[in-house]
Amino acid sequence: MHYTYNTSGTCSRAIDFDIEDGIITNVKFTGGCNGNLKGIGKLVEGMRVQDVATKLKGISCGARPTSCPDQLARACEKYLNDNK
C-alpha cells in the first residue's frame, strides 16, 4: 500500500512510502536535506512500521520541536491508526 504524508514544521514538504506486510519500503522525502533524508530512507528500509515510529519519534531539529525523522514517525503512527 502506498502512503503519502504531508509534513509540518520541517523543510521537507511530504513523505511517500510503501507498506507491505507491516514493513516500510520505498521511503522518499520531498524537499529537505537531500542526502540526509536519502540516508534515513535507506536506514528504515525493511523495518517494521511500529519500530520506525518508536525509534524516530521525538527527534527535534535545532530549535524546532520536530524534524524530518520525527515527521516520518508521525506518518507511521498515522498509518497504524488509520489501518487498525
PDB file of N, CA and C in Angstrom:
ATOM      1  N   MET A   1       0.832  -1.164   0.000  1.00  0.00           N
ATOM      2  CA  MET A   1       0.000   0.000   0.000  1.00  0.00           C
ATOM      3  C   MET A   1       0.887   1.241   0.000  1.00  0.00           C
ATOM      4  N   HIS A   2       0.606   2.158  -0.885  1.00  0.00           N
ATOM      5  CA  HIS A   2       1.356   3.412  -0.961  1.00  0.00           C
ATOM      6  C   HIS A   2       0.735   4.418  -0.009  1.00  0.00           C
ATOM      7  N   TYR A   3       1.580   5.209   0.644  1.00  0.00           N
ATOM      8  CA  TYR A   3       1.106   6.175   1.620  1.00  0.00           C
ATOM      9  C   TYR A   3       1.863   7.477   1.429  1.00  0.00           C
ATOM     10  N   THR A   4       1.152   8.612   1.480  1.00  0.00           N
ATOM     11  CA  THR A   4       1.763   9.945   1.403  1.00  0.00           C
ATOM     12  C   THR A   4       1.372  10.713   2.648  1.00  0.00           C
ATOM     13  N   TYR A   5       2.365  11.346   3.263  1.00  0.00           N
ATOM     14  CA  TYR A   5       2.135  12.143   4.473  1.00  0.00           C
ATOM     15  C   TYR A   5       2.685  13.534   4.227  1.00  0.00           C
ATOM     16  N   ASN A   6       1.846  14.555   4.396  1.00  0.00           N
ATOM     17  CA  ASN A   6       2.278  15.944   4.265  1.00  0.00           C
ATOM     18  C   ASN A   6       2.847  16.405   5.597  1.00  0.00           C
ATOM     19  N   THR A   7       4.110  16.790   5.586  1.00  0.00           N
ATOM     20  CA  THR A   7       4.806  17.150   6.812  1.00  0.00           C
ATOM     21  C   THR A   7       4.426  18.542   7.286  1.00  0.00           C
ATOM     22  N   SER A   8       4.796  18.829   8.525  1.00  0.00           N
ATOM     23  CA  SER A   8       4.524  20.131   9.133  1.00  0.00           C
ATOM     24  C   SER A   8       5.709  20.511  10.015  1.00  0.00           C
ATOM     25  N   GLY A   9       6.197  21.746   9.855  1.00  0.00           N
ATOM     26  CA  GLY A   9       7.261  22.242  10.707  1.00  0.00           C
ATOM     27  C   GLY A   9       8.664  21.845  10.297  1.00  0.00           C
ATOM     28  N   THR A  10       8.810  21.324   9.084  1.00  0.00           N
ATOM     29  CA  THR A  10      10.127  20.897   8.604  1.00  0.00           C
ATOM     30  C   THR A  10      10.381  21.446   7.200  1.00  0.00           C
ATOM     31  N   CYS A  11      11.624  21.309   6.776  1.00  0.00           N
ATOM     32  CA  CYS A  11      11.985  21.734   5.420  1.00  0.00           C
ATOM     33  C   CYS A  11      11.381  20.811   4.367  1.00  0.00           C
ATOM     34  N   SER A  12      11.264  19.532   4.701  1.00  0.00           N
ATOM     35  CA  SER A  12      10.613  18.628   3.754  1.00  0.00           C
ATOM     36  C   SER A  12       9.121  18.929   3.743  1.00  0.00           C
ATOM     37  N   ARG A  13       8.491  18.694   2.606  1.00  0.00           N
ATOM     38  CA  ARG A  13       7.070  19.005   2.450  1.00  0.00           C
ATOM     39  C   ARG A  13       6.183  17.760   2.513  1.00  0.00           C
ATOM     40  N   ALA A  14       6.745  16.614   2.165  1.00  0.00           N
ATOM     41  CA  ALA A  14       5.949  15.386   2.152  1.00  0.00           C
ATOM     42  C   ALA A  14       6.877  14.178   2.252  1.00  0.00           C
ATOM     43  N   ILE A  15       6.281  13.069   2.683  1.00  0.00           N
ATOM     44  CA  ILE A  15       6.994  11.793   2.730  1.00  0.00           C
ATOM     45  C   ILE A  15       6.105  10.773   2.041  1.00  0.00           C
ATOM     46  N   ASP A  16       6.676  10.057   1.086  1.00  0.00           N
ATOM     47  CA  ASP A  16       5.991   8.955   0.413  1.00  0.00           C
ATOM     48  C   ASP A  16       6.679   7.664   0.797  1.00  0.00           C
ATOM     49  N   PHE A  17       5.881   6.630   1.061  1.00  0.00           N
ATOM     50  CA  PHE A  17       6.454   5.320   1.357  1.00  0.00           C
ATOM     51  C   PHE A  17       5.424   4.247   1.077  1.00  0.00           C
ATOM     52  N   ASP A  18       5.898   3.024   1.026  1.00  0.00           N
ATOM     53  CA  ASP A  18       5.028   1.869   0.832  1.00  0.00           C
ATOM     54  C   ASP A  18       5.094   1.004   2.077  1.00  0.00           C
ATOM     55  N   ILE A  19       3.996   0.315   2.351  1.00  0.00           N
ATOM     56  CA  ILE A  19       3.920  -0.639   3.446  1.00  0.00           C
ATOM     57  C   ILE A  19       3.494  -1.971   2.846  1.00  0.00           C
ATOM     58  N   GLU A  20       4.299  -2.990   3.093  1.00  0.00           N
ATOM     59  CA  GLU A  20       3.974  -4.336   2.628  1.00  0.00           C
ATOM     60  C   GLU A  20       4.135  -5.287   3.805  1.00  0.00           C
ATOM     61  N   ASP A  21       3.037  -5.894   4.247  1.00  0.00           N
ATOM     62  CA  ASP A  21       3.046  -6.818   5.387  1.00  0.00           C
ATOM     63  C   ASP A  21       3.664  -6.185   6.631  1.00  0.00           C
ATOM     64  N   GLY A  22       3.342  -4.905   6.885  1.00  0.00           N
ATOM     65  CA  GLY A  22       3.832  -4.228   8.069  1.00  0.00           C
ATOM     66  C   GLY A  22       5.267  -3.735   7.981  1.00  0.00           C
ATOM     67  N   ILE A  23       5.877  -3.847   6.788  1.00  0.00           N
ATOM     68  CA  ILE A  23       7.262  -3.445   6.559  1.00  0.00           C
ATOM     69  C   ILE A  23       7.282  -2.201   5.677  1.00  0.00           C
ATOM     70  N   ILE A  24       8.105  -1.232   6.062  1.00  0.00           N
ATOM     71  CA  ILE A  24       8.198   0.019   5.306  1.00  0.00           C
ATOM     72  C   ILE A  24       9.236  -0.117   4.191  1.00  0.00           C
ATOM     73  N   THR A  25       8.868   0.367   3.003  1.00  0.00           N
ATOM     74  CA  THR A  25       9.771   0.338   1.847  1.00  0.00           C
ATOM     75  C   THR A  25       9.618   1.626   1.046  1.00  0.00           C
ATOM     76  N   ASN A  26      10.553   1.868   0.163  1.00  0.00           N
ATOM     77  CA  ASN A  26      10.493   2.974  -0.807  1.00  0.00           C
ATOM     78  C   ASN A  26      10.224   4.338  -0.170  1.00  0.00           C
ATOM     79  N   VAL A  27      10.967   4.678   0.877  1.00  0.00           N
ATOM     80  CA  VAL A  27      10.778   5.960   1.563  1.00  0.00           C
ATOM     81  C   VAL A  27      11.413   7.072   0.745  1.00  0.00           C
ATOM     82  N   LYS A  28      10.615   8.096   0.445  1.00  0.00           N
ATOM     83  CA  LYS A  28      11.097   9.244  -0.324  1.00  0.00           C
ATOM     84  C   LYS A  28      10.550  10.527   0.300  1.00  0.00           C
ATOM     85  N   PHE A  29      11.453  11.452   0.600  1.00  0.00           N
ATOM     86  CA  PHE A  29      11.079  12.755   1.130  1.00  0.00           C
ATOM     87  C   PHE A  29      11.052  13.756  -0.018  1.00  0.00           C
ATOM     88  N   THR A  30      10.112  14.680   0.013  1.00  0.00           N
ATOM     89  CA  THR A  30      10.061  15.783  -0.942  1.00  0.00           C
ATOM     90  C   THR A  30      10.555  17.023  -0.211  1.00  0.00           C
ATOM     91  N   GLY A  31      11.636  17.611  -0.708  1.00  0.00           N
ATOM     92  CA  GLY A  31      12.247  18.760  -0.053  1.00  0.00           C
ATOM     93  C   GLY A  31      13.167  18.300   1.071  1.00  0.00           C
ATOM     94  N   GLY A  32      13.687  19.256   1.807  1.00  0.00           N
ATOM     95  CA  GLY A  32      14.557  18.930   2.931  1.00  0.00           C
ATOM     96  C   GLY A  32      15.999  18.695   2.506  1.00  0.00           C
ATOM     97  N   CYS A  33      16.786  18.177   3.420  1.00  0.00           N
ATOM     98  CA  CYS A  33      18.220  17.914   3.205  1.00  0.00           C
ATOM     99  C   CYS A  33      18.379  16.602   2.437  1.00  0.00           C
ATOM    100  N   ASN A  34      18.565  16.694   1.159  1.00  0.00           N
ATOM    101  CA  ASN A  34      18.511  15.557   0.253  1.00  0.00           C
ATOM    102  C   ASN A  34      19.343  14.356   0.716  1.00  0.00           C
ATOM    103  N   GLY A  35      20.613  14.558   0.964  1.00  0.00           N
ATOM    104  CA  GLY A  35      21.479  13.431   1.331  1.00  0.00           C
ATOM    105  C   GLY A  35      21.090  12.793   2.648  1.00  0.00           C
ATOM    106  N   ASN A  36      20.819  13.622   3.646  1.00  0.00           N
ATOM    107  CA  ASN A  36      20.430  13.085   4.953  1.00  0.00           C
ATOM    108  C   ASN A  36      19.126  12.303   4.870  1.00  0.00           C
ATOM    109  N   LEU A  37      18.183  12.816   4.115  1.00  0.00           N
ATOM    110  CA  LEU A  37      16.883  12.154   4.030  1.00  0.00           C
ATOM    111  C   LEU A  37      16.946  10.878   3.202  1.00  0.00           C
ATOM    112  N   LYS A  38      17.811  10.845   2.208  1.00  0.00           N
ATOM    113  CA  LYS A  38      18.030   9.583   1.482  1.00  0.00           C
ATOM    114  C   LYS A  38      18.622   8.554   2.438  1.00  0.00           C
ATOM    115  N   GLY A  39      19.528   9.012   3.294  1.00  0.00           N
ATOM    116  CA  GLY A  39      20.137   8.111   4.283  1.00  0.00           C
ATOM    117  C   GLY A  39      19.109   7.558   5.251  1.00  0.00           C
ATOM    118  N   ILE A  40      18.237   8.402   5.757  1.00  0.00           N
ATOM    119  CA  ILE A  40      17.184   7.945   6.667  1.00  0.00           C
ATOM    120  C   ILE A  40      16.295   6.928   5.961  1.00  0.00           C
ATOM    121  N   GLY A  41      15.940   7.232   4.717  1.00  0.00           N
ATOM    122  CA  GLY A  41      15.118   6.300   3.947  1.00  0.00           C
ATOM    123  C   GLY A  41      15.762   4.931   3.814  1.00  0.00           C
ATOM    124  N   LYS A  42      17.053   4.904   3.553  1.00  0.00           N
ATOM    125  CA  LYS A  42      17.770   3.618   3.423  1.00  0.00           C
ATOM    126  C   LYS A  42      17.866   2.897   4.765  1.00  0.00           C
ATOM    127  N   LEU A  43      18.064   3.651   5.844  1.00  0.00           N
ATOM    128  CA  LEU A  43      18.191   3.033   7.162  1.00  0.00           C
ATOM    129  C   LEU A  43      16.898   2.372   7.632  1.00  0.00           C
ATOM    130  N   VAL A  44      15.756   2.962   7.305  1.00  0.00           N
ATOM    131  CA  VAL A  44      14.481   2.394   7.771  1.00  0.00           C
ATOM    132  C   VAL A  44      13.913   1.368   6.799  1.00  0.00           C
ATOM    133  N   GLU A  45      14.467   1.288   5.616  1.00  0.00           N
ATOM    134  CA  GLU A  45      14.014   0.321   4.611  1.00  0.00           C
ATOM    135  C   GLU A  45      14.038  -1.094   5.194  1.00  0.00           C
ATOM    136  N   GLY A  46      12.907  -1.768   5.127  1.00  0.00           N
ATOM    137  CA  GLY A  46      12.818  -3.141   5.616  1.00  0.00           C
ATOM    138  C   GLY A  46      12.461  -3.258   7.088  1.00  0.00           C
ATOM    139  N   MET A  47      12.291  -2.133   7.775  1.00  0.00           N
ATOM    140  CA  MET A  47      11.912  -2.163   9.190  1.00  0.00           C
ATOM    141  C   MET A  47      10.394  -2.237   9.335  1.00  0.00           C
ATOM    142  N   ARG A  48       9.952  -2.756  10.479  1.00  0.00           N
ATOM    143  CA  ARG A  48       8.524  -2.742  10.804  1.00  0.00           C
ATOM    144  C   ARG A  48       8.080  -1.308  11.032  1.00  0.00           C
ATOM    145  N   VAL A  49       6.887  -0.973  10.586  1.00  0.00           N
ATOM    146  CA  VAL A  49       6.355   0.381  10.713  1.00  0.00           C
ATOM    147  C   VAL A  49       6.372   0.826  12.178  1.00  0.00           C
ATOM    148  N   GLN A  50       5.952  -0.049  13.079  1.00  0.00           N
ATOM    149  CA  GLN A  50       5.912   0.286  14.503  1.00  0.00           C
ATOM    150  C   GLN A  50       7.307   0.609  15.028  1.00  0.00           C
ATOM    151  N   ASP A  51       8.327  -0.125  14.584  1.00  0.00           N
ATOM    152  CA  ASP A  51       9.695   0.117  15.032  1.00  0.00           C
ATOM    153  C   ASP A  51      10.206   1.474  14.558  1.00  0.00           C
ATOM    154  N   VAL A  52       9.871   1.854  13.336  1.00  0.00           N
ATOM    155  CA  VAL A  52      10.270   3.165  12.813  1.00  0.00           C
ATOM    156  C   VAL A  52       9.627   4.258  13.653  1.00  0.00           C
ATOM    157  N   ALA A  53       8.348   4.117  13.950  1.00  0.00           N
ATOM    158  CA  ALA A  53       7.631   5.106  14.758  1.00  0.00           C
ATOM    159  C   ALA A  53       8.277   5.245  16.129  1.00  0.00           C
ATOM    160  N   THR A  54       8.618   4.135  16.751  1.00  0.00           N
ATOM    161  CA  THR A  54       9.194   4.153  18.086  1.00  0.00           C
ATOM    162  C   THR A  54      10.587   4.765  18.098  1.00  0.00           C
ATOM    163  N   LYS A  55      11.430   4.387  17.149  1.00  0.00           N
ATOM    164  CA  LYS A  55      12.818   4.860  17.126  1.00  0.00           C
ATOM    165  C   LYS A  55      12.956   6.340  16.787  1.00  0.00           C
ATOM    166  N   LEU A  56      12.121   6.853  15.894  1.00  0.00           N
ATOM    167  CA  LEU A  56      12.313   8.213  15.387  1.00  0.00           C
ATOM    168  C   LEU A  56      11.451   9.275  16.069  1.00  0.00           C
ATOM    169  N   LYS A  57      10.459   8.852  16.835  1.00  0.00           N
ATOM    170  CA  LYS A  57       9.540   9.817  17.458  1.00  0.00           C
ATOM    171  C   LYS A  57      10.275  10.712  18.452  1.00  0.00           C
ATOM    172  N   GLY A  58       9.993  12.017  18.343  1.00  0.00           N
ATOM    173  CA  GLY A  58      10.517  12.972  19.306  1.00  0.00           C
ATOM    174  C   GLY A  58      11.845  13.608  18.960  1.00  0.00           C
ATOM    175  N   ILE A  59      12.437  13.233  17.836  1.00  0.00           N
ATOM    176  CA  ILE A  59      13.700  13.854  17.421  1.00  0.00           C
ATOM    177  C   ILE A  59      13.411  15.278  16.959  1.00  0.00           C
ATOM    178  N   SER A  60      14.184  16.224  17.488  1.00  0.00           N
ATOM    179  CA  SER A  60      13.994  17.622  17.092  1.00  0.00           C
ATOM    180  C   SER A  60      15.094  18.042  16.125  1.00  0.00           C
ATOM    181  N   CYS A  61      14.905  19.180  15.487  1.00  0.00           N
ATOM    182  CA  CYS A  61      15.888  19.729  14.552  1.00  0.00           C
ATOM    183  C   CYS A  61      16.200  21.151  15.000  1.00  0.00           C
ATOM    184  N   GLY A  62      17.362  21.342  15.599  1.00  0.00           N
ATOM    185  CA  GLY A  62      17.704  22.658  16.129  1.00  0.00           C
ATOM    186  C   GLY A  62      16.673  23.081  17.165  1.00  0.00           C
ATOM    187  N   ALA A  63      16.162  24.295  17.030  1.00  0.00           N
ATOM    188  CA  ALA A  63      15.157  24.819  17.968  1.00  0.00           C
ATOM    189  C   ALA A  63      13.741  24.355  17.623  1.00  0.00           C
ATOM    190  N   ARG A  64      13.585  23.681  16.510  1.00  0.00           N
ATOM    191  CA  ARG A  64      12.249  23.212  16.104  1.00  0.00           C
ATOM    192  C   ARG A  64      11.837  22.033  16.989  1.00  0.00           C
ATOM    193  N   PRO A  65      10.558  21.932  17.306  1.00  0.00           N
ATOM    194  CA  PRO A  65      10.093  20.823  18.139  1.00  0.00           C
ATOM    195  C   PRO A  65       9.918  19.512  17.370  1.00  0.00           C
ATOM    196  N   THR A  66      10.161  19.534  16.067  1.00  0.00           N
ATOM    197  CA  THR A  66      10.016  18.343  15.234  1.00  0.00           C
ATOM    198  C   THR A  66      11.192  18.282  14.271  1.00  0.00           C
ATOM    199  N   SER A  67      11.237  17.250  13.468  1.00  0.00           N
ATOM    200  CA  SER A  67      12.300  17.055  12.475  1.00  0.00           C
ATOM    201  C   SER A  67      11.751  16.152  11.386  1.00  0.00           C
ATOM    202  N   CYS A  68      12.508  15.963  10.344  1.00  0.00           N
ATOM    203  CA  CYS A  68      12.069  15.041   9.288  1.00  0.00           C
ATOM    204  C   CYS A  68      11.946  13.608   9.818  1.00  0.00           C
ATOM    205  N   PRO A  69      12.901  13.114  10.639  1.00  0.00           N
ATOM    206  CA  PRO A  69      12.700  11.779  11.207  1.00  0.00           C
ATOM    207  C   PRO A  69      11.444  11.703  12.090  1.00  0.00           C
ATOM    208  N   ASP A  70      11.211  12.752  12.896  1.00  0.00           N
ATOM    209  CA  ASP A  70      10.013  12.783  13.737  1.00  0.00           C
ATOM    210  C   ASP A  70       8.759  12.787  12.873  1.00  0.00           C
ATOM    211  N   GLN A  71       8.773  13.506  11.768  1.00  0.00           N
ATOM    212  CA  GLN A  71       7.623  13.524  10.866  1.00  0.00           C
ATOM    213  C   GLN A  71       7.391  12.145  10.246  1.00  0.00           C
ATOM    214  N   LEU A  72       8.470  11.420   9.954  1.00  0.00           N
ATOM    215  CA  LEU A  72       8.320  10.051   9.461  1.00  0.00           C
ATOM    216  C   LEU A  72       7.688   9.178  10.533  1.00  0.00           C
ATOM    217  N   ALA A  73       8.105   9.359  11.785  1.00  0.00           N
ATOM    218  CA  ALA A  73       7.492   8.614  12.888  1.00  0.00           C
ATOM    219  C   ALA A  73       6.004   8.920  12.985  1.00  0.00           C
ATOM    220  N   ARG A  74       5.651  10.192  12.858  1.00  0.00           N
ATOM    221  CA  ARG A  74       4.242  10.592  12.919  1.00  0.00           C
ATOM    222  C   ARG A  74       3.465  10.010  11.739  1.00  0.00           C
ATOM    223  N   ALA A  75       4.087   9.959  10.585  1.00  0.00           N
ATOM    224  CA  ALA A  75       3.441   9.357   9.412  1.00  0.00           C
ATOM    225  C   ALA A  75       3.170   7.877   9.669  1.00  0.00           C
ATOM    226  N   CYS A  76       4.144   7.198  10.266  1.00  0.00           N
ATOM    227  CA  CYS A  76       3.973   5.776  10.578  1.00  0.00           C
ATOM    228  C   CYS A  76       2.858   5.577  11.596  1.00  0.00           C
ATOM    229  N   GLU A  77       2.815   6.431  12.614  1.00  0.00           N
ATOM    230  CA  GLU A  77       1.752   6.336  13.609  1.00  0.00           C
ATOM    231  C   GLU A  77       0.385   6.572  12.979  1.00  0.00           C
ATOM    232  N   LYS A  78       0.304   7.563  12.098  1.00  0.00           N
ATOM    233  CA  LYS A  78      -0.967   7.840  11.420  1.00  0.00           C
ATOM    234  C   LYS A  78      -1.391   6.640  10.583  1.00  0.00           C
ATOM    235  N   TYR A  79      -0.435   6.064   9.862  1.00  0.00           N
ATOM    236  CA  TYR A  79      -0.737   4.867   9.074  1.00  0.00           C
ATOM    237  C   TYR A  79      -1.281   3.759   9.980  1.00  0.00           C
ATOM    238  N   LEU A  80      -0.606   3.525  11.094  1.00  0.00           N
ATOM    239  CA  LEU A  80      -1.027   2.459  12.011  1.00  0.00           C
ATOM    240  C   LEU A  80      -2.423   2.730  12.574  1.00  0.00           C
ATOM    241  N   ASN A  81      -2.700   3.986  12.940  1.00  0.00           N
ATOM    242  CA  ASN A  81      -4.017   4.333  13.476  1.00  0.00           C
ATOM    243  C   ASN A  81      -5.107   4.225  12.417  1.00  0.00           C
ATOM    244  N   ASP A  82      -4.773   4.617  11.191  1.00  0.00           N
ATOM    245  CA  ASP A  82      -5.762   4.558  10.108  1.00  0.00           C
ATOM    246  C   ASP A  82      -6.055   3.132   9.659  1.00  0.00           C
ATOM    247  N   ASN A  83      -5.157   2.208   9.962  1.00  0.00           N
ATOM    248  CA  ASN A  83      -5.297   0.831   9.467  1.00  0.00           C
ATOM    249  C   ASN A  83      -5.427  -0.185  10.581  1.00  0.00           C
ATOM    250  N   LYS A  84      -6.055   0.200  11.672  1.00  0.00           N
ATOM    251  CA  LYS A  84      -6.292  -0.745  12.774  1.00  0.00           C
ATOM    252  C   LYS A  84      -7.345  -1.738  12.418  1.00  0.00           C
TER     253      LYS A  84
END
